[in-house]
Amino acid sequence: MSSAIETHGLTRRFGRTAAVDGLTLTVPEGSIYAFLGPNGAGKTTTIKMLLNILRPTSGSAGILGVESTRLGPREFAQIGYVSENQQQPEWMTVSQLIAYCRPMYPTWDDAFCGKLLQGFDLPPDRKLRSLSRGMKMKAALLTSLAYRPRLLVLDEPFTGLDPLVRDEVIRGMLELTEQEKWTVFVSSHDIDEVERLADWVGVINAGKIQLAESADSLQSRFRRLECVVGDGARVPSSSPKSWMGAEITGHGLRVVETQYEAGPSENRLLEAFPGASQVSASEMSLREVFLALAKTFRLKS
C-alpha cells in the first residue's frame, strides 16, 4: 500500500517543551485520515511540519514521496490546505480570488471550479469580507480543490460552521473524494462529523501518537462491556491490561475492552467478577472511543 504521508520520529521542541514527540505514522494514499487529539496535543504543529511551515527539531516527514523540508512549487501544486485560521484577501470578490489563484496551479480545472462554485452556492460578485464564516470556508475549499490536488490537508475545517453548512461541506467532500480518489488528512474537534468521513484514525496526546489504524479495526476491537455484579464488588487492581475506565455504579459494572474477542472477553469479565450476570457487549462510536481514551490521558497528566 503506497502512502501519501509518512513520518518517522517526527519531533518539534519549543524550548524544553516537546509539542510533537517522536511521531511515527503512515497515511495510506486514497484514504480519509482523521487526526484526533485534545487541545494542545500537537495536531497543528504536526501539520505545520508536514507542510514545511515549521522545521522539525528531529525526525522526518515524507509528503507524496518528497521530504517535507524539500517541498517546492511542484509538490505544493498537488497539495490543498485549509486551516481555521487561514488568512484570505478579504477585499477580493469570490471571482477575483479564483482569478488570483488560477495561474498558480497548472492543473487548475475551470469546469470543475464552476461546478464547485455552483455546488457550494458561492456568490461570485460578493467580497470575502461580507461573507459568513461558513461561506469563507467554502471559498477556501473551492480554491484548494479546483486544481484537483492529490492530497488535501484540513486543520479544524468545521470550527464555527453551523450544522447545515457542516453537512453541506462534508457531503461535498465525501462525493469528491469518492470520485477523485484523493487523500484527505483532517484534524478536527468535531468527532461526530469526522466519523462520517474517516476510514483511518490517528490519535495524538501530549505530542505522542497513541494509536493509528483503520477505522474498521479500531471499532471492531473496542467494545463497552456491561454486567450486573453483587454487593460490595470492586474493580480488582490486577484487572486485564486491555480494560479502560472500569467503574461500578450500584450493581452495574461498565468497562471499555480495547482488545475485544467475542467469548474470551466476556469470560475474562466473569473471571474478574465471579457470579456476575447479564453480561453484554456493545459497539462504540468513534466519539465514544475517543472520549474513553481522553479520560485515560487526563489520568496520566
Protein backbone atom coordinates (compact mmCIF):
# COMPACT_ATOMS: atom_id res chain seq x y z
CA MET A 1 0.00 0.00 0.00
CA SER A 2 1.51 3.35 -1.05
CA SER A 3 1.44 6.27 1.38
CA ALA A 4 0.63 9.95 0.89
CA ILE A 5 2.20 10.92 4.24
CA GLU A 6 4.84 9.08 6.24
CA THR A 7 6.61 10.30 9.37
CA HIS A 8 9.42 8.74 11.39
CA GLY A 9 10.27 10.02 14.86
CA LEU A 10 8.97 13.47 13.93
CA THR A 11 9.73 15.87 16.80
CA ARG A 12 9.34 19.60 17.37
CA ARG A 13 10.51 21.32 20.52
CA PHE A 14 9.83 24.84 21.69
CA GLY A 15 12.49 25.38 24.33
CA ARG A 16 12.15 22.47 26.76
CA THR A 17 8.64 21.61 25.64
CA ALA A 18 8.11 18.86 23.07
CA ALA A 19 4.98 19.87 21.15
CA VAL A 20 5.40 16.78 18.96
CA ASP A 21 7.48 13.92 20.32
CA GLY A 22 8.71 11.05 18.14
CA LEU A 23 5.63 10.89 15.91
CA THR A 24 5.59 7.91 13.54
CA LEU A 25 2.56 7.36 11.32
CA THR A 26 1.56 6.39 7.79
CA VAL A 27 -1.37 7.86 5.85
CA PRO A 28 -2.37 5.46 3.05
CA GLU A 29 -2.88 7.02 -0.36
CA GLY A 30 -6.57 7.46 -1.18
CA SER A 31 -7.66 7.39 2.47
CA ILE A 32 -9.55 9.93 4.57
CA TYR A 33 -7.41 10.07 7.70
CA ALA A 34 -8.80 11.65 10.89
CA PHE A 35 -6.05 13.07 13.10
CA LEU A 36 -7.59 13.49 16.56
CA GLY A 37 -6.45 14.69 19.95
CA PRO A 38 -7.34 17.09 22.79
CA ASN A 39 -6.41 20.78 22.73
CA GLY A 40 -2.64 21.22 22.80
CA ALA A 41 -1.99 17.64 21.73
CA GLY A 42 0.28 18.69 18.84
CA LYS A 43 -2.07 18.38 15.86
CA THR A 44 -1.49 21.81 14.30
CA THR A 45 2.26 21.68 14.96
CA THR A 46 2.36 18.33 13.16
CA ILE A 47 0.51 19.74 10.16
CA LYS A 48 2.84 22.76 10.01
CA MET A 49 5.83 20.41 9.90
CA LEU A 50 4.21 18.26 7.21
CA LEU A 51 3.79 21.36 5.03
CA ASN A 52 7.24 22.81 5.83
CA ILE A 53 5.74 25.80 7.65
CA LEU A 54 7.76 24.67 10.69
CA ARG A 55 11.03 22.75 10.60
CA PRO A 56 11.23 19.61 12.76
CA THR A 57 13.74 19.53 15.61
CA SER A 58 14.43 15.92 14.66
CA GLY A 59 12.88 13.07 12.71
CA SER A 60 11.43 13.27 9.23
CA ALA A 61 8.22 13.51 7.24
CA GLY A 62 7.62 12.45 3.64
CA ILE A 63 4.77 14.03 1.65
CA LEU A 64 3.84 12.45 -1.70
CA GLY A 65 7.25 10.80 -1.71
CA VAL A 66 9.22 14.01 -1.01
CA GLU A 67 10.94 15.03 2.22
CA SER A 68 8.77 17.76 3.80
CA THR A 69 11.73 20.14 4.14
CA ARG A 70 12.28 19.88 0.37
CA LEU A 71 8.72 20.59 -0.74
CA GLY A 72 8.68 23.03 -3.65
CA PRO A 73 6.23 24.55 -6.15
CA ARG A 74 5.79 21.24 -7.98
CA GLU A 75 4.68 19.47 -4.77
CA PHE A 76 2.60 22.35 -3.41
CA ALA A 77 0.68 22.38 -6.71
CA GLN A 78 -0.53 18.89 -5.70
CA ILE A 79 -1.44 19.77 -2.09
CA GLY A 80 -4.57 21.58 -0.91
CA TYR A 81 -4.52 23.19 2.55
CA VAL A 82 -7.37 24.74 4.53
CA SER A 83 -6.95 25.98 8.10
CA GLU A 84 -9.41 27.54 10.56
CA ASN A 85 -7.00 30.48 10.93
CA GLN A 86 -6.30 30.86 7.23
CA GLN A 87 -6.00 34.45 6.11
CA GLN A 88 -7.75 35.48 2.91
CA PRO A 89 -7.59 38.70 0.84
CA GLU A 90 -10.97 39.92 2.10
CA TRP A 91 -11.03 42.92 -0.24
CA MET A 92 -11.39 40.49 -3.17
CA THR A 93 -14.63 39.11 -4.53
CA VAL A 94 -15.01 35.34 -4.91
CA SER A 95 -14.41 35.71 -8.65
CA GLN A 96 -11.27 37.77 -8.07
CA LEU A 97 -9.97 35.17 -5.60
CA ILE A 98 -10.47 32.45 -8.21
CA ALA A 99 -8.72 34.55 -10.89
CA TYR A 100 -5.86 35.23 -8.46
CA CYS A 101 -5.34 31.55 -7.61
CA ARG A 102 -5.84 30.05 -11.08
CA PRO A 103 -2.39 30.92 -12.58
CA MET A 104 -0.57 29.34 -9.64
CA TYR A 105 -1.75 25.83 -10.47
CA PRO A 106 -1.04 24.18 -13.84
CA THR A 107 -3.75 21.58 -13.19
CA TRP A 108 -6.48 24.13 -12.44
CA ASP A 109 -9.76 22.84 -13.90
CA ASP A 110 -12.14 25.66 -14.87
CA ALA A 111 -15.07 23.34 -15.45
CA PHE A 112 -14.55 21.69 -12.07
CA CYS A 113 -14.18 25.13 -10.45
CA GLY A 114 -17.52 26.18 -11.93
CA LYS A 115 -19.13 23.01 -10.61
CA LEU A 116 -17.75 23.69 -7.13
CA LEU A 117 -18.85 27.32 -7.27
CA GLN A 118 -22.39 26.22 -8.04
CA GLY A 119 -22.37 23.31 -5.61
CA PHE A 120 -21.12 25.47 -2.73
CA ASP A 121 -23.67 28.16 -3.67
CA LEU A 122 -21.00 30.88 -3.53
CA PRO A 123 -21.91 34.38 -4.81
CA PRO A 124 -19.17 35.27 -7.37
CA ASP A 125 -19.52 39.05 -7.04
CA ARG A 126 -19.54 39.27 -3.23
CA LYS A 127 -16.41 40.43 -1.40
CA LEU A 128 -14.96 37.91 1.00
CA ARG A 129 -15.26 40.37 3.90
CA SER A 130 -19.04 40.34 3.52
CA LEU A 131 -19.33 36.54 3.60
CA SER A 132 -20.23 34.45 6.65
CA ARG A 133 -17.56 32.22 8.20
CA GLY A 134 -19.15 29.22 6.52
CA MET A 135 -19.07 30.86 3.09
CA LYS A 136 -15.43 31.90 3.58
CA MET A 137 -14.58 28.30 4.43
CA LYS A 138 -16.32 27.17 1.26
CA ALA A 139 -14.31 29.72 -0.76
CA ALA A 140 -11.09 28.40 0.79
CA LEU A 141 -12.11 24.83 -0.02
CA LEU A 142 -13.01 25.76 -3.60
CA THR A 143 -9.61 27.30 -4.28
CA SER A 144 -7.92 24.27 -2.68
CA LEU A 145 -9.92 21.75 -4.71
CA ALA A 146 -10.22 23.33 -8.17
CA TYR A 147 -6.73 22.18 -9.20
CA ARG A 148 -7.53 18.58 -8.18
CA PRO A 149 -4.79 18.09 -5.54
CA ARG A 150 -3.52 14.62 -4.74
CA LEU A 151 -3.53 15.48 -1.02
CA LEU A 152 -5.96 17.72 0.88
CA VAL A 153 -4.88 18.82 4.40
CA LEU A 154 -7.62 20.27 6.62
CA ASP A 155 -6.87 21.80 10.03
CA GLU A 156 -10.09 22.26 12.04
CA PRO A 157 -12.19 22.96 8.92
CA PHE A 158 -15.55 22.80 10.71
CA THR A 159 -14.90 25.22 13.58
CA GLY A 160 -17.63 27.84 13.82
CA LEU A 161 -19.72 26.43 10.98
CA ASP A 162 -23.44 26.00 11.54
CA PRO A 163 -24.78 22.41 11.24
CA LEU A 164 -26.29 22.94 7.77
CA VAL A 165 -23.03 24.28 6.30
CA ARG A 166 -21.03 21.49 8.00
CA ASP A 167 -23.35 18.94 6.45
CA GLU A 168 -23.03 20.53 3.01
CA VAL A 169 -19.23 20.62 3.22
CA ILE A 170 -18.98 17.02 4.45
CA ARG A 171 -21.36 15.67 1.82
CA GLY A 172 -19.42 17.56 -0.85
CA MET A 173 -16.10 16.19 0.38
CA LEU A 174 -17.41 12.63 0.52
CA GLU A 175 -18.67 12.88 -3.05
CA LEU A 176 -15.45 14.44 -4.32
CA THR A 177 -13.06 12.07 -2.57
CA GLU A 178 -15.08 9.10 -3.82
CA GLN A 179 -14.92 10.40 -7.38
CA GLU A 180 -11.34 11.69 -7.37
CA LYS A 181 -9.66 9.17 -5.01
CA TRP A 182 -7.82 11.99 -3.23
CA THR A 183 -6.10 11.58 0.11
CA VAL A 184 -7.58 13.74 2.89
CA PHE A 185 -5.77 14.39 6.18
CA VAL A 186 -8.18 16.13 8.55
CA SER A 187 -7.60 17.39 12.08
CA SER A 188 -10.83 18.27 13.86
CA HIS A 189 -12.58 18.51 17.24
CA ASP A 190 -15.90 17.68 15.56
CA ILE A 191 -15.57 13.93 16.02
CA ASP A 192 -19.19 13.21 15.07
CA GLU A 193 -18.57 14.90 11.73
CA VAL A 194 -15.19 13.27 11.18
CA GLU A 195 -16.69 9.84 11.87
CA ARG A 196 -18.78 10.20 8.73
CA LEU A 197 -15.64 10.85 6.70
CA ALA A 198 -12.76 8.82 8.09
CA ASP A 199 -11.61 5.37 7.11
CA TRP A 200 -8.33 5.75 9.07
CA VAL A 201 -7.78 7.24 12.53
CA GLY A 202 -4.74 8.53 14.38
CA VAL A 203 -4.94 9.81 17.97
CA ILE A 204 -2.25 12.04 19.45
CA ASN A 205 -1.83 13.23 23.04
CA ALA A 206 0.95 15.34 24.56
CA GLY A 207 2.83 15.11 21.26
CA LYS A 208 2.86 11.31 21.18
CA ILE A 209 0.84 9.03 18.93
CA GLN A 210 -1.50 6.83 20.96
CA LEU A 211 -2.99 4.75 18.18
CA ALA A 212 -3.07 4.71 14.38
CA GLU A 213 -5.17 2.23 12.45
CA SER A 214 -8.12 1.78 10.13
CA ALA A 215 -11.50 2.90 11.47
CA ASP A 216 -12.85 -0.63 10.93
CA SER A 217 -10.04 -2.14 13.00
CA LEU A 218 -10.47 0.43 15.76
CA GLN A 219 -14.20 -0.03 16.09
CA SER A 220 -14.01 -3.82 15.88
CA ARG A 221 -11.61 -4.10 18.82
CA PHE A 222 -13.30 -1.55 21.14
CA ARG A 223 -16.44 -2.69 22.98
CA ARG A 224 -18.29 -1.49 26.05
CA LEU A 225 -18.81 -4.45 28.38
CA GLU A 226 -21.58 -4.26 30.98
CA CYS A 227 -22.84 -6.65 33.62
CA VAL A 228 -24.62 -6.85 36.97
CA VAL A 229 -22.38 -7.54 39.99
CA GLY A 230 -23.09 -8.42 43.60
CA ASP A 231 -22.95 -6.31 46.75
CA GLY A 232 -19.53 -4.94 47.62
CA ALA A 233 -17.97 -5.77 44.25
CA ARG A 234 -14.79 -3.81 43.48
CA VAL A 235 -12.66 -3.45 40.38
CA PRO A 236 -9.61 -5.67 41.00
CA SER A 237 -6.19 -3.98 40.98
CA SER A 238 -4.96 -6.75 38.67
CA SER A 239 -7.67 -6.20 36.04
CA PRO A 240 -6.77 -7.04 32.41
CA LYS A 241 -4.43 -4.54 30.68
CA SER A 242 -6.90 -4.27 27.82
CA TRP A 243 -9.55 -2.71 30.10
CA MET A 244 -10.09 1.04 30.32
CA GLY A 245 -12.29 3.07 32.63
CA ALA A 246 -13.78 0.24 34.66
CA GLU A 247 -16.37 1.61 37.08
CA ILE A 248 -19.13 0.24 39.29
CA THR A 249 -22.29 2.20 39.99
CA GLY A 250 -24.68 0.43 42.33
CA HIS A 251 -24.82 -3.11 40.95
CA GLY A 252 -23.82 -2.13 37.42
CA LEU A 253 -20.30 -2.56 36.04
CA ARG A 254 -19.12 -0.83 32.87
CA VAL A 255 -15.71 -1.23 31.28
CA VAL A 256 -14.19 -0.49 27.89
CA GLU A 257 -12.49 -3.53 26.36
CA THR A 258 -9.79 -2.44 23.90
CA GLN A 259 -8.98 -5.91 22.52
CA TYR A 260 -12.42 -7.42 22.15
CA GLU A 261 -12.85 -11.08 21.24
CA ALA A 262 -16.36 -12.48 21.32
CA GLY A 263 -16.38 -15.10 24.07
CA PRO A 264 -12.92 -14.70 25.63
CA SER A 265 -13.60 -11.06 26.59
CA GLU A 266 -16.85 -11.97 28.34
CA ASN A 267 -15.08 -14.87 30.07
CA ARG A 268 -12.37 -12.54 31.39
CA LEU A 269 -15.08 -10.36 32.87
CA LEU A 270 -16.69 -13.34 34.60
CA GLU A 271 -13.30 -14.46 35.96
CA ALA A 272 -12.76 -11.00 37.47
CA PHE A 273 -16.31 -10.90 38.87
CA PRO A 274 -17.50 -14.41 39.76
CA GLY A 275 -21.27 -14.55 39.93
CA ALA A 276 -21.75 -11.57 37.58
CA SER A 277 -24.82 -11.79 35.38
CA GLN A 278 -26.40 -10.17 32.33
CA VAL A 279 -23.07 -9.70 30.56
CA SER A 280 -23.37 -7.72 27.34
CA ALA A 281 -21.01 -6.17 24.78
CA SER A 282 -21.96 -3.16 22.69
CA GLU A 283 -20.24 -1.41 19.80
CA MET A 284 -18.81 2.07 20.32
CA SER A 285 -18.84 5.09 18.05
CA LEU A 286 -15.59 6.86 17.20
CA ARG A 287 -16.66 9.64 19.56
CA GLU A 288 -17.15 7.16 22.42
CA VAL A 289 -13.78 5.56 21.73
CA PHE A 290 -12.07 8.97 21.72
CA LEU A 291 -13.75 10.05 24.98
CA ALA A 292 -12.69 6.80 26.66
CA LEU A 293 -9.10 7.43 25.54
CA ALA A 294 -9.27 11.09 26.60
CA LYS A 295 -10.18 10.04 30.15
CA THR A 296 -7.02 7.96 30.34
CA PHE A 297 -5.00 10.91 29.04
CA ARG A 298 -6.35 13.05 31.86
CA LEU A 299 -5.45 10.42 34.47
CA LYS A 300 -1.86 10.26 33.15
CA SER A 301 -1.34 14.04 33.09
